Amino acid sequence: MFKLRVMEGEFTDSQIVVMLGENGTGKTTFIRMLTRLRVRMQKYLNSMFLTSPRKSSIRALLHQKIHDSFMHPQFASDVMKPLQIEQLMDQEVVNLSGGELQRVASCLYLGKVCIITFSLL
């Protein structure tokens, strides 16, 4: 039987929260439910990966899709480093595992959000 125990807490803008669990336990689904981005995220990711050459490197993909964020030092330290994107830079999209694809997809999504945020400042 599955039992969920929820503890009260707070999050700040500068925190990165990690959820750990075995494969197939619903970590990604839980996050999508919390953020209500499931449909928007799926459409976004489909457009990102379907319009990108699947043989391209992660470096080329990030450079093409989120160039401004990719080149911004704060994005590198706040997003790319915690997601461990640097170690994936020279790999091709088709060779990534599911978890690696999720990390790259998160980086791409956050990169798009950061472009909007940076332009408003």
PDB file of N, CA and C in Angstrom:
ATOM      1  N   MET A   1       0.841  -1.178   0.000  1.00  0.00           N
ATOM      2  CA  MET A   1       0.000   0.000   0.000  1.00  0.00           C
ATOM      3  C   MET A   1       0.886   1.240   0.000  1.00  0.00           C
ATOM      4  N   PHE A   2       0.507   2.212  -0.784  1.00  0.00           N
ATOM      5  CA  PHE A   2       1.251   3.470  -0.877  1.00  0.00           C
ATOM      6  C   PHE A   2       0.672   4.465   0.111  1.00  0.00           C
ATOM      7  N   LYS A   3       1.542   5.136   0.834  1.00  0.00           N
ATOM      8  CA  LYS A   3       1.100   6.140   1.793  1.00  0.00           C
ATOM      9  C   LYS A   3       1.940   7.391   1.589  1.00  0.00           C
ATOM     10  N   LEU A   4       1.281   8.523   1.436  1.00  0.00           N
ATOM     11  CA  LEU A   4       1.968   9.799   1.240  1.00  0.00           C
ATOM     12  C   LEU A   4       1.946  10.581   2.540  1.00  0.00           C
ATOM     13  N   ARG A   5       3.125  10.986   2.969  1.00  0.00           N
ATOM     14  CA  ARG A   5       3.238  11.807   4.170  1.00  0.00           C
ATOM     15  C   ARG A   5       3.723  13.182   3.731  1.00  0.00           C
ATOM     16  N   VAL A   6       2.952  14.204   4.014  1.00  0.00           N
ATOM     17  CA  VAL A   6       3.284  15.565   3.600  1.00  0.00           C
ATOM     18  C   VAL A   6       3.622  16.379   4.833  1.00  0.00           C
ATOM     19  N   MET A   7       4.773  17.033   4.774  1.00  0.00           N
ATOM     20  CA  MET A   7       5.201  17.882   5.879  1.00  0.00           C
ATOM     21  C   MET A   7       5.159  19.331   5.419  1.00  0.00           C
ATOM     22  N   GLU A   8       4.727  20.205   6.297  1.00  0.00           N
ATOM     23  CA  GLU A   8       4.633  21.623   5.974  1.00  0.00           C
ATOM     24  C   GLU A   8       6.030  22.199   5.758  1.00  0.00           C
ATOM     25  N   GLY A   9       6.143  23.126   4.817  1.00  0.00           N
ATOM     26  CA  GLY A   9       7.425  23.767   4.551  1.00  0.00           C
ATOM     27  C   GLY A   9       7.254  24.997   3.693  1.00  0.00           C
ATOM     28  N   GLU A  10       8.357  25.670   3.446  1.00  0.00           N
ATOM     29  CA  GLU A  10       8.356  26.871   2.615  1.00  0.00           C
ATOM     30  C   GLU A  10       9.456  26.763   1.570  1.00  0.00           C
ATOM     31  N   PHE A  11       9.265  27.460   0.459  1.00  0.00           N
ATOM     32  CA  PHE A  11      10.260  27.521  -0.600  1.00  0.00           C
ATOM     33  C   PHE A  11      10.581  28.977  -0.885  1.00  0.00           C
ATOM     34  N   THR A  12      11.821  29.246  -1.228  1.00  0.00           N
ATOM     35  CA  THR A  12      12.203  30.585  -1.663  1.00  0.00           C
ATOM     36  C   THR A  12      12.626  30.521  -3.119  1.00  0.00           C
ATOM     37  N   ASP A  13      12.727  31.677  -3.753  1.00  0.00           N
ATOM     38  CA  ASP A  13      13.107  31.736  -5.165  1.00  0.00           C
ATOM     39  C   ASP A  13      14.493  31.163  -5.421  1.00  0.00           C
ATOM     40  N   SER A  14      15.366  31.229  -4.447  1.00  0.00           N
ATOM     41  CA  SER A  14      16.754  30.825  -4.675  1.00  0.00           C
ATOM     42  C   SER A  14      17.019  29.369  -4.309  1.00  0.00           C
ATOM     43  N   GLN A  15      16.000  28.618  -3.941  1.00  0.00           N
ATOM     44  CA  GLN A  15      16.194  27.229  -3.557  1.00  0.00           C
ATOM     45  C   GLN A  15      15.947  26.294  -4.729  1.00  0.00           C
ATOM     46  N   ILE A  16      16.667  25.199  -4.711  1.00  0.00           N
ATOM     47  CA  ILE A  16      16.397  24.100  -5.625  1.00  0.00           C
ATOM     48  C   ILE A  16      15.948  22.942  -4.750  1.00  0.00           C
ATOM     49  N   VAL A  17      14.781  22.413  -5.035  1.00  0.00           N
ATOM     50  CA  VAL A  17      14.204  21.344  -4.235  1.00  0.00           C
ATOM     51  C   VAL A  17      14.376  20.038  -4.994  1.00  0.00           C
ATOM     52  N   VAL A  18      14.788  18.999  -4.295  1.00  0.00           N
ATOM     53  CA  VAL A  18      15.030  17.697  -4.903  1.00  0.00           C
ATOM     54  C   VAL A  18      14.014  16.704  -4.359  1.00  0.00           C
ATOM     55  N   MET A  19      13.440  15.919  -5.259  1.00  0.00           N
ATOM     56  CA  MET A  19      12.542  14.852  -4.852  1.00  0.00           C
ATOM     57  C   MET A  19      13.185  13.547  -5.299  1.00  0.00           C
ATOM     58  N   LEU A  20      13.402  12.659  -4.367  1.00  0.00           N
ATOM     59  CA  LEU A  20      14.045  11.386  -4.668  1.00  0.00           C
ATOM     60  C   LEU A  20      13.032  10.256  -4.602  1.00  0.00           C
ATOM     61  N   GLY A  21      13.249   9.243  -5.425  1.00  0.00           N
ATOM     62  CA  GLY A  21      12.391   8.065  -5.392  1.00  0.00           C
ATOM     63  C   GLY A  21      12.792   7.101  -6.480  1.00  0.00           C
ATOM     64  N   GLU A  22      12.347   5.873  -6.350  1.00  0.00           N
ATOM     65  CA  GLU A  22      12.666   4.855  -7.344  1.00  0.00           C
ATOM     66  C   GLU A  22      11.969   5.169  -8.664  1.00  0.00           C
ATOM     67  N   ASN A  23      12.489   4.574  -9.745  1.00  0.00           N
ATOM     68  CA  ASN A  23      11.880   4.747 -11.063  1.00  0.00           C
ATOM     69  C   ASN A  23      10.420   4.303 -11.027  1.00  0.00           C
ATOM     70  N   GLY A  24       9.583   5.075 -11.699  1.00  0.00           N
ATOM     71  CA  GLY A  24       8.185   4.706 -11.826  1.00  0.00           C
ATOM     72  C   GLY A  24       7.313   5.011 -10.627  1.00  0.00           C
ATOM     73  N   THR A  25       7.812   5.774  -9.673  1.00  0.00           N
ATOM     74  CA  THR A  25       7.007   6.077  -8.482  1.00  0.00           C
ATOM     75  C   THR A  25       6.163   7.329  -8.641  1.00  0.00           C
ATOM     76  N   GLY A  26       6.299   8.035  -9.763  1.00  0.00           N
ATOM     77  CA  GLY A  26       5.437   9.180 -10.030  1.00  0.00           C
ATOM     78  C   GLY A  26       6.002  10.530  -9.646  1.00  0.00           C
ATOM     79  N   LYS A  27       7.313  10.637  -9.549  1.00  0.00           N
ATOM     80  CA  LYS A  27       7.935  11.921  -9.185  1.00  0.00           C
ATOM     81  C   LYS A  27       7.584  13.003 -10.199  1.00  0.00           C
ATOM     82  N   THR A  28       7.756  12.709 -11.466  1.00  0.00           N
ATOM     83  CA  THR A  28       7.485  13.689 -12.513  1.00  0.00           C
ATOM     84  C   THR A  28       5.998  14.013 -12.572  1.00  0.00           C
ATOM     85  N   THR A  29       5.160  13.005 -12.479  1.00  0.00           N
ATOM     86  CA  THR A  29       3.714  13.221 -12.497  1.00  0.00           C
ATOM     87  C   THR A  29       3.282  14.097 -11.326  1.00  0.00           C
ATOM     88  N   PHE A  30       3.848  13.858 -10.160  1.00  0.00           N
ATOM     89  CA  PHE A  30       3.522  14.651  -8.978  1.00  0.00           C
ATOM     90  C   PHE A  30       3.882  16.119  -9.195  1.00  0.00           C
ATOM     91  N   ILE A  31       5.060  16.371  -9.727  1.00  0.00           N
ATOM     92  CA  ILE A  31       5.488  17.746  -9.983  1.00  0.00           C
ATOM     93  C   ILE A  31       4.564  18.406 -11.003  1.00  0.00           C
ATOM     94  N   ARG A  32       4.220  17.683 -12.041  1.00  0.00           N
ATOM     95  CA  ARG A  32       3.317  18.245 -13.057  1.00  0.00           C
ATOM     96  C   ARG A  32       1.956  18.584 -12.460  1.00  0.00           C
ATOM     97  N   MET A  33       1.464  17.726 -11.569  1.00  0.00           N
ATOM     98  CA  MET A  33       0.178  18.019 -10.930  1.00  0.00           C
ATOM     99  C   MET A  33       0.288  19.267 -10.072  1.00  0.00           C
ATOM    100  N   LEU A  34       1.379  19.399  -9.340  1.00  0.00           N
ATOM    101  CA  LEU A  34       1.555  20.564  -8.479  1.00  0.00           C
ATOM    102  C   LEU A  34       1.612  21.860  -9.272  1.00  0.00           C
ATOM    103  N   THR A  35       2.286  21.840 -10.370  1.00  0.00           N
ATOM    104  CA  THR A  35       2.493  23.065 -11.130  1.00  0.00           C
ATOM    105  C   THR A  35       1.431  23.322 -12.189  1.00  0.00           C
ATOM    106  N   ARG A  36       0.588  22.344 -12.433  1.00  0.00           N
ATOM    107  CA  ARG A  36      -0.469  22.476 -13.446  1.00  0.00           C
ATOM    108  C   ARG A  36       0.084  22.823 -14.826  1.00  0.00           C
ATOM    109  N   LEU A  37       1.275  22.317 -15.090  1.00  0.00           N
ATOM    110  CA  LEU A  37       1.908  22.606 -16.376  1.00  0.00           C
ATOM    111  C   LEU A  37       1.951  21.388 -17.295  1.00  0.00           C
ATOM    112  N   ARG A  38       1.249  20.337 -16.939  1.00  0.00           N
ATOM    113  CA  ARG A  38       1.396  19.097 -17.689  1.00  0.00           C
ATOM    114  C   ARG A  38       1.137  19.281 -19.188  1.00  0.00           C
ATOM    115  N   VAL A  39       0.019  19.853 -19.540  1.00  0.00           N
ATOM    116  CA  VAL A  39      -0.327  20.013 -20.954  1.00  0.00           C
ATOM    117  C   VAL A  39       0.582  21.034 -21.624  1.00  0.00           C
ATOM    118  N   ARG A  40       0.772  22.197 -20.973  1.00  0.00           N
ATOM    119  CA  ARG A  40       1.637  23.228 -21.550  1.00  0.00           C
ATOM    120  C   ARG A  40       3.056  22.709 -21.724  1.00  0.00           C
ATOM    121  N   MET A  41       3.562  22.007 -20.729  1.00  0.00           N
ATOM    122  CA  MET A  41       4.927  21.494 -20.782  1.00  0.00           C
ATOM    123  C   MET A  41       5.059  20.461 -21.902  1.00  0.00           C
ATOM    124  N   GLN A  42       4.074  19.575 -22.035  1.00  0.00           N
ATOM    125  CA  GLN A  42       4.145  18.545 -23.063  1.00  0.00           C
ATOM    126  C   GLN A  42       4.157  19.169 -24.456  1.00  0.00           C
ATOM    127  N   LYS A  43       3.290  20.149 -24.693  1.00  0.00           N
ATOM    128  CA  LYS A  43       3.283  20.832 -25.988  1.00  0.00           C
ATOM    129  C   LYS A  43       4.615  21.521 -26.237  1.00  0.00           C
ATOM    130  N   TYR A  44       5.149  22.156 -25.210  1.00  0.00           N
ATOM    131  CA  TYR A  44       6.421  22.860 -25.331  1.00  0.00           C
ATOM    132  C   TYR A  44       7.555  21.888 -25.640  1.00  0.00           C
ATOM    133  N   LEU A  45       7.630  20.797 -24.879  1.00  0.00           N
ATOM    134  CA  LEU A  45       8.711  19.835 -25.088  1.00  0.00           C
ATOM    135  C   LEU A  45       8.608  19.188 -26.457  1.00  0.00           C
ATOM    136  N   ASN A  46       7.390  18.850 -26.873  1.00  0.00           N
ATOM    137  CA  ASN A  46       7.221  18.276 -28.203  1.00  0.00           C
ATOM    138  C   ASN A  46       7.734  19.229 -29.267  1.00  0.00           C
ATOM    139  N   SER A  47       7.403  20.506 -29.150  1.00  0.00           N
ATOM    140  CA  SER A  47       7.866  21.464 -30.152  1.00  0.00           C
ATOM    141  C   SER A  47       9.383  21.619 -30.089  1.00  0.00           C
ATOM    142  N   MET A  48       9.955  21.575 -28.896  1.00  0.00           N
ATOM    143  CA  MET A  48      11.409  21.708 -28.757  1.00  0.00           C
ATOM    144  C   MET A  48      12.134  20.553 -29.419  1.00  0.00           C
ATOM    145  N   PHE A  49      11.711  19.329 -29.080  1.00  0.00           N
ATOM    146  CA  PHE A  49      12.443  18.169 -29.567  1.00  0.00           C
ATOM    147  C   PHE A  49      12.070  17.791 -30.993  1.00  0.00           C
ATOM    148  N   LEU A  50      10.825  18.043 -31.404  1.00  0.00           N
ATOM    149  CA  LEU A  50      10.433  17.697 -32.764  1.00  0.00           C
ATOM    150  C   LEU A  50      11.034  18.646 -33.786  1.00  0.00           C
ATOM    151  N   THR A  51      11.319  19.879 -33.388  1.00  0.00           N
ATOM    152  CA  THR A  51      11.894  20.831 -34.331  1.00  0.00           C
ATOM    153  C   THR A  51      13.414  20.860 -34.261  1.00  0.00           C
ATOM    154  N   SER A  52      13.996  20.026 -33.414  1.00  0.00           N
ATOM    155  CA  SER A  52      15.450  19.992 -33.267  1.00  0.00           C
ATOM    156  C   SER A  52      16.000  18.745 -33.943  1.00  0.00           C
ATOM    157  N   PRO A  53      17.132  18.884 -34.609  1.00  0.00           N
ATOM    158  CA  PRO A  53      17.761  17.694 -35.174  1.00  0.00           C
ATOM    159  C   PRO A  53      18.137  16.744 -34.037  1.00  0.00           C
ATOM    160  N   ARG A  54      17.633  15.523 -34.091  1.00  0.00           N
ATOM    161  CA  ARG A  54      17.878  14.581 -33.000  1.00  0.00           C
ATOM    162  C   ARG A  54      19.335  14.128 -32.954  1.00  0.00           C
ATOM    163  N   LYS A  55      20.088  14.372 -33.991  1.00  0.00           N
ATOM    164  CA  LYS A  55      21.507  14.012 -34.008  1.00  0.00           C
ATOM    165  C   LYS A  55      22.377  15.144 -33.481  1.00  0.00           C
ATOM    166  N   SER A  56      21.782  16.259 -33.118  1.00  0.00           N
ATOM    167  CA  SER A  56      22.587  17.386 -32.655  1.00  0.00           C
ATOM    168  C   SER A  56      23.028  17.165 -31.213  1.00  0.00           C
ATOM    169  N   SER A  57      24.108  17.839 -30.842  1.00  0.00           N
ATOM    170  CA  SER A  57      24.601  17.746 -29.470  1.00  0.00           C
ATOM    171  C   SER A  57      23.729  18.599 -28.557  1.00  0.00           C
ATOM    172  N   ILE A  58      23.822  18.325 -27.280  1.00  0.00           N
ATOM    173  CA  ILE A  58      23.082  19.119 -26.297  1.00  0.00           C
ATOM    174  C   ILE A  58      23.568  20.564 -26.341  1.00  0.00           C
ATOM    175  N   ARG A  59      24.863  20.749 -26.498  1.00  0.00           N
ATOM    176  CA  ARG A  59      25.426  22.102 -26.601  1.00  0.00           C
ATOM    177  C   ARG A  59      24.772  22.869 -27.753  1.00  0.00           C
ATOM    178  N   ALA A  60      24.669  22.227 -28.923  1.00  0.00           N
ATOM    179  CA  ALA A  60      24.064  22.876 -30.093  1.00  0.00           C
ATOM    180  C   ALA A  60      22.578  23.158 -29.855  1.00  0.00           C
ATOM    181  N   LEU A  61      21.889  22.219 -29.214  1.00  0.00           N
ATOM    182  CA  LEU A  61      20.466  22.393 -28.928  1.00  0.00           C
ATOM    183  C   LEU A  61      20.233  23.586 -28.003  1.00  0.00           C
ATOM    184  N   LEU A  62      21.006  23.673 -26.921  1.00  0.00           N
ATOM    185  CA  LEU A  62      20.859  24.781 -25.978  1.00  0.00           C
ATOM    186  C   LEU A  62      21.239  26.104 -26.636  1.00  0.00           C
ATOM    187  N   HIS A  63      22.288  26.074 -27.422  1.00  0.00           N
ATOM    188  CA  HIS A  63      22.733  27.289 -28.110  1.00  0.00           C
ATOM    189  C   HIS A  63      21.648  27.787 -29.074  1.00  0.00           C
ATOM    190  N   GLN A  64      21.009  26.849 -29.765  1.00  0.00           N
ATOM    191  CA  GLN A  64      19.974  27.206 -30.743  1.00  0.00           C
ATOM    192  C   GLN A  64      18.680  27.662 -30.070  1.00  0.00           C
ATOM    193  N   LYS A  65      18.241  26.956 -29.042  1.00  0.00           N
ATOM    194  CA  LYS A  65      16.911  27.187 -28.475  1.00  0.00           C
ATOM    195  C   LYS A  65      16.867  28.255 -27.385  1.00  0.00           C
ATOM    196  N   ILE A  66      17.930  28.371 -26.579  1.00  0.00           N
ATOM    197  CA  ILE A  66      17.906  29.326 -25.457  1.00  0.00           C
ATOM    198  C   ILE A  66      19.235  30.081 -25.395  1.00  0.00           C
ATOM    199  N   HIS A  67      19.673  30.595 -26.508  1.00  0.00           N
ATOM    200  CA  HIS A  67      20.994  31.209 -26.619  1.00  0.00           C
ATOM    201  C   HIS A  67      21.265  32.247 -25.532  1.00  0.00           C
ATOM    202  N   ASP A  68      20.339  33.183 -25.314  1.00  0.00           N
ATOM    203  CA  ASP A  68      20.574  34.253 -24.335  1.00  0.00           C
ATOM    204  C   ASP A  68      20.752  33.708 -22.922  1.00  0.00           C
ATOM    205  N   SER A  69      19.870  32.801 -22.519  1.00  0.00           N
ATOM    206  CA  SER A  69      20.003  32.198 -21.184  1.00  0.00           C
ATOM    207  C   SER A  69      21.265  31.354 -21.102  1.00  0.00           C
ATOM    208  N   PHE A  70      21.523  30.580 -22.148  1.00  0.00           N
ATOM    209  CA  PHE A  70      22.685  29.694 -22.203  1.00  0.00           C
ATOM    210  C   PHE A  70      23.983  30.478 -21.996  1.00  0.00           C
ATOM    211  N   MET A  71      24.031  31.692 -22.494  1.00  0.00           N
ATOM    212  CA  MET A  71      25.239  32.510 -22.387  1.00  0.00           C
ATOM    213  C   MET A  71      25.295  33.332 -21.092  1.00  0.00           C
ATOM    214  N   HIS A  72      24.215  33.356 -20.324  1.00  0.00           N
ATOM    215  CA  HIS A  72      24.154  34.177 -19.113  1.00  0.00           C
ATOM    216  C   HIS A  72      24.808  33.432 -17.936  1.00  0.00           C
ATOM    217  N   PRO A  73      25.782  34.046 -17.251  1.00  0.00           N
ATOM    218  CA  PRO A  73      26.491  33.374 -16.150  1.00  0.00           C
ATOM    219  C   PRO A  73      25.571  32.922 -15.009  1.00  0.00           C
ATOM    220  N   GLN A  74      24.554  33.706 -14.700  1.00  0.00           N
ATOM    221  CA  GLN A  74      23.668  33.319 -13.600  1.00  0.00           C
ATOM    222  C   GLN A  74      22.844  32.088 -13.966  1.00  0.00           C
ATOM    223  N   PHE A  75      22.440  31.981 -15.222  1.00  0.00           N
ATOM    224  CA  PHE A  75      21.707  30.796 -15.666  1.00  0.00           C
ATOM    225  C   PHE A  75      22.590  29.561 -15.535  1.00  0.00           C
ATOM    226  N   ALA A  76      23.855  29.721 -15.901  1.00  0.00           N
ATOM    227  CA  ALA A  76      24.795  28.601 -15.784  1.00  0.00           C
ATOM    228  C   ALA A  76      24.937  28.150 -14.335  1.00  0.00           C
ATOM    229  N   SER A  77      25.071  29.093 -13.422  1.00  0.00           N
ATOM    230  CA  SER A  77      25.278  28.720 -12.015  1.00  0.00           C
ATOM    231  C   SER A  77      23.991  28.279 -11.323  1.00  0.00           C
ATOM    232  N   ASP A  78      22.867  28.898 -11.657  1.00  0.00           N
ATOM    233  CA  ASP A  78      21.616  28.602 -10.954  1.00  0.00           C
ATOM    234  C   ASP A  78      20.828  27.437 -11.546  1.00  0.00           C
ATOM    235  N   VAL A  79      21.003  27.176 -12.836  1.00  0.00           N
ATOM    236  CA  VAL A  79      20.204  26.139 -13.494  1.00  0.00           C
ATOM    237  C   VAL A  79      21.071  25.006 -14.036  1.00  0.00           C
ATOM    238  N   MET A  80      22.020  25.352 -14.890  1.00  0.00           N
ATOM    239  CA  MET A  80      22.790  24.310 -15.566  1.00  0.00           C
ATOM    240  C   MET A  80      23.674  23.498 -14.616  1.00  0.00           C
ATOM    241  N   LYS A  81      24.307  24.162 -13.676  1.00  0.00           N
ATOM    242  CA  LYS A  81      25.188  23.442 -12.750  1.00  0.00           C
ATOM    243  C   LYS A  81      24.409  22.465 -11.868  1.00  0.00           C
ATOM    244  N   PRO A  82      23.321  22.907 -11.196  1.00  0.00           N
ATOM    245  CA  PRO A  82      22.569  21.949 -10.375  1.00  0.00           C
ATOM    246  C   PRO A  82      21.961  20.791 -11.180  1.00  0.00           C
ATOM    247  N   LEU A  83      21.597  21.046 -12.432  1.00  0.00           N
ATOM    248  CA  LEU A  83      21.037  19.991 -13.280  1.00  0.00           C
ATOM    249  C   LEU A  83      22.119  19.114 -13.913  1.00  0.00           C
ATOM    250  N   GLN A  84      23.372  19.461 -13.683  1.00  0.00           N
ATOM    251  CA  GLN A  84      24.524  18.721 -14.224  1.00  0.00           C
ATOM    252  C   GLN A  84      24.455  18.600 -15.748  1.00  0.00           C
ATOM    253  N   ILE A  85      24.170  19.724 -16.386  1.00  0.00           N
ATOM    254  CA  ILE A  85      24.058  19.764 -17.842  1.00  0.00           C
ATOM    255  C   ILE A  85      25.438  19.739 -18.505  1.00  0.00           C
ATOM    256  N   GLU A  86      26.424  20.309 -17.850  1.00  0.00           N
ATOM    257  CA  GLU A  86      27.768  20.397 -18.442  1.00  0.00           C
ATOM    258  C   GLU A  86      28.292  19.030 -18.880  1.00  0.00           C
ATOM    259  N   GLN A  87      28.032  18.005 -18.098  1.00  0.00           N
ATOM    260  CA  GLN A  87      28.538  16.676 -18.443  1.00  0.00           C
ATOM    261  C   GLN A  87      27.805  16.048 -19.632  1.00  0.00           C
ATOM    262  N   LEU A  88      26.706  16.652 -20.051  1.00  0.00           N
ATOM    263  CA  LEU A  88      25.932  16.135 -21.187  1.00  0.00           C
ATOM    264  C   LEU A  88      26.193  16.903 -22.480  1.00  0.00           C
ATOM    265  N   MET A  89      26.926  17.996 -22.404  1.00  0.00           N
ATOM    266  CA  MET A  89      27.051  18.940 -23.519  1.00  0.00           C
ATOM    267  C   MET A  89      27.441  18.318 -24.854  1.00  0.00           C
ATOM    268  N   ASP A  90      28.332  17.351 -24.859  1.00  0.00           N
ATOM    269  CA  ASP A  90      28.815  16.800 -26.124  1.00  0.00           C
ATOM    270  C   ASP A  90      28.067  15.538 -26.553  1.00  0.00           C
ATOM    271  N   GLN A  91      27.070  15.141 -25.784  1.00  0.00           N
ATOM    272  CA  GLN A  91      26.272  13.971 -26.156  1.00  0.00           C
ATOM    273  C   GLN A  91      25.168  14.382 -27.130  1.00  0.00           C
ATOM    274  N   GLU A  92      24.727  13.415 -27.930  1.00  0.00           N
ATOM    275  CA  GLU A  92      23.618  13.661 -28.847  1.00  0.00           C
ATOM    276  C   GLU A  92      22.297  13.385 -28.137  1.00  0.00           C
ATOM    277  N   VAL A  93      21.265  14.094 -28.548  1.00  0.00           N
ATOM    278  CA  VAL A  93      19.942  13.954 -27.941  1.00  0.00           C
ATOM    279  C   VAL A  93      19.487  12.497 -27.963  1.00  0.00           C
ATOM    280  N   VAL A  94      19.704  11.798 -29.069  1.00  0.00           N
ATOM    281  CA  VAL A  94      19.220  10.419 -29.210  1.00  0.00           C
ATOM    282  C   VAL A  94      19.894   9.453 -28.247  1.00  0.00           C
ATOM    283  N   ASN A  95      21.040   9.822 -27.691  1.00  0.00           N
ATOM    284  CA  ASN A  95      21.775   8.920 -26.806  1.00  0.00           C
ATOM    285  C   ASN A  95      21.504   9.149 -25.327  1.00  0.00           C
ATOM    286  N   LEU A  96      20.617  10.069 -24.993  1.00  0.00           N
ATOM    287  CA  LEU A  96      20.355  10.374 -23.588  1.00  0.00           C
ATOM    288  C   LEU A  96      19.367   9.390 -22.972  1.00  0.00           C
ATOM    289  N   SER A  97      19.532   9.146 -21.687  1.00  0.00           N
ATOM    290  CA  SER A  97      18.568   8.328 -20.946  1.00  0.00           C
ATOM    291  C   SER A  97      17.325   9.175 -20.665  1.00  0.00           C
ATOM    292  N   GLY A  98      16.299   8.550 -20.138  1.00  0.00           N
ATOM    293  CA  GLY A  98      15.077   9.279 -19.806  1.00  0.00           C
ATOM    294  C   GLY A  98      15.317  10.388 -18.794  1.00  0.00           C
ATOM    295  N   GLY A  99      16.089  10.086 -17.761  1.00  0.00           N
ATOM    296  CA  GLY A  99      16.392  11.088 -16.742  1.00  0.00           C
ATOM    297  C   GLY A  99      17.219  12.234 -17.285  1.00  0.00           C
ATOM    298  N   GLU A 100      18.176  11.905 -18.164  1.00  0.00           N
ATOM    299  CA  GLU A 100      18.992  12.957 -18.786  1.00  0.00           C
ATOM    300  C   GLU A 100      18.138  13.838 -19.684  1.00  0.00           C
ATOM    301  N   LEU A 101      17.213  13.222 -20.428  1.00  0.00           N
ATOM    302  CA  LEU A 101      16.297  14.005 -21.266  1.00  0.00           C
ATOM    303  C   LEU A 101      15.444  14.936 -20.414  1.00  0.00           C
ATOM    304  N   GLN A 102      14.997  14.462 -19.264  1.00  0.00           N
ATOM    305  CA  GLN A 102      14.202  15.316 -18.379  1.00  0.00           C
ATOM    306  C   GLN A 102      15.023  16.490 -17.875  1.00  0.00           C
ATOM    307  N   ARG A 103      16.295  16.260 -17.563  1.00  0.00           N
ATOM    308  CA  ARG A 103      17.154  17.352 -17.098  1.00  0.00           C
ATOM    309  C   ARG A 103      17.356  18.382 -18.198  1.00  0.00           C
ATOM    310  N   VAL A 104      17.601  17.909 -19.420  1.00  0.00           N
ATOM    311  CA  VAL A 104      17.789  18.830 -20.549  1.00  0.00           C
ATOM    312  C   VAL A 104      16.486  19.576 -20.836  1.00  0.00           C
ATOM    313  N   ALA A 105      15.362  18.866 -20.795  1.00  0.00           N
ATOM    314  CA  ALA A 105      14.063  19.509 -21.025  1.00  0.00           C
ATOM    315  C   ALA A 105      13.791  20.573 -19.965  1.00  0.00           C
ATOM    316  N   SER A 106      14.128  20.285 -18.721  1.00  0.00           N
ATOM    317  CA  SER A 106      13.957  21.274 -17.648  1.00  0.00           C
ATOM    318  C   SER A 106      14.824  22.493 -17.902  1.00  0.00           C
ATOM    319  N   CYS A 107      16.047  22.261 -18.332  1.00  0.00           N
ATOM    320  CA  CYS A 107      16.965  23.360 -18.639  1.00  0.00           C
ATOM    321  C   CYS A 107      16.408  24.214 -19.778  1.00  0.00           C
ATOM    322  N   LEU A 108      15.898  23.570 -20.816  1.00  0.00           N
ATOM    323  CA  LEU A 108      15.316  24.304 -21.942  1.00  0.00           C
ATOM    324  C   LEU A 108      14.110  25.125 -21.493  1.00  0.00           C
ATOM    325  N   TYR A 109      13.246  24.520 -20.709  1.00  0.00           N
ATOM    326  CA  TYR A 109      12.050  25.221 -20.241  1.00  0.00           C
ATOM    327  C   TYR A 109      12.430  26.409 -19.364  1.00  0.00           C
ATOM    328  N   LEU A 110      13.332  26.181 -18.411  1.00  0.00           N
ATOM    329  CA  LEU A 110      13.768  27.269 -17.535  1.00  0.00           C
ATOM    330  C   LEU A 110      14.511  28.341 -18.323  1.00  0.00           C
ATOM    331  N   GLY A 111      15.219  27.942 -19.366  1.00  0.00           N
ATOM    332  CA  GLY A 111      15.911  28.903 -20.221  1.00  0.00           C
ATOM    333  C   GLY A 111      14.947  29.826 -20.932  1.00  0.00           C
ATOM    334  N   LYS A 112      13.816  29.292 -21.372  1.00  0.00           N
ATOM    335  CA  LYS A 112      12.791  30.129 -22.008  1.00  0.00           C
ATOM    336  C   LYS A 112      12.186  31.087 -20.994  1.00  0.00           C
ATOM    337  N   VAL A 113      11.913  30.602 -19.790  1.00  0.00           N
ATOM    338  CA  VAL A 113      11.368  31.449 -18.725  1.00  0.00           C
ATOM    339  C   VAL A 113      12.360  32.545 -18.377  1.00  0.00           C
ATOM    340  N   CYS A 114      13.646  32.213 -18.305  1.00  0.00           N
ATOM    341  CA  CYS A 114      14.677  33.199 -17.949  1.00  0.00           C
ATOM    342  C   CYS A 114      14.827  34.272 -19.009  1.00  0.00           C
ATOM    343  N   ILE A 115      14.678  33.913 -20.271  1.00  0.00           N
ATOM    344  CA  ILE A 115      14.770  34.910 -21.338  1.00  0.00           C
ATOM    345  C   ILE A 115      13.700  35.975 -21.125  1.00  0.00           C
ATOM    346  N   ILE A 116      12.495  35.538 -20.780  1.00  0.00           N
ATOM    347  CA  ILE A 116      11.407  36.479 -20.532  1.00  0.00           C
ATOM    348  C   ILE A 116      11.725  37.328 -19.308  1.00  0.00           C
ATOM    349  N   THR A 117      12.206  36.700 -18.249  1.00  0.00           N
ATOM    350  CA  THR A 117      12.532  37.415 -17.017  1.00  0.00           C
ATOM    351  C   THR A 117      13.657  38.410 -17.232  1.00  0.00           C
ATOM    352  N   PHE A 118      14.732  37.991 -17.902  1.00  0.00           N
ATOM    353  CA  PHE A 118      15.857  38.883 -18.144  1.00  0.00           C
ATOM    354  C   PHE A 118      15.436  40.083 -18.975  1.00  0.00           C
ATOM    355  N   SER A 119      14.529  39.859 -19.926  1.00  0.00           N
ATOM    356  CA  SER A 119      14.123  40.966 -20.789  1.00  0.00           C
ATOM    357  C   SER A 119      13.239  41.973 -20.056  1.00  0.00           C
ATOM    358  N   LEU A 120      12.623  41.560 -18.960  1.00  0.00           N
ATOM    359  CA  LEU A 120      11.779  42.468 -18.190  1.00  0.00           C
ATOM    360  C   LEU A 120      12.584  43.325 -17.225  1.00  0.00           C
ATOM    361  N   LEU A 121      13.796  42.911 -16.927  1.00  0.00           N
ATOM    362  CA  LEU A 121      14.617  43.647 -15.958  1.00  0.00           C
ATOM    363  C   LEU A 121      15.194  44.908 -16.546  1.00  0.00           C
TER     364      LEU A 121
END
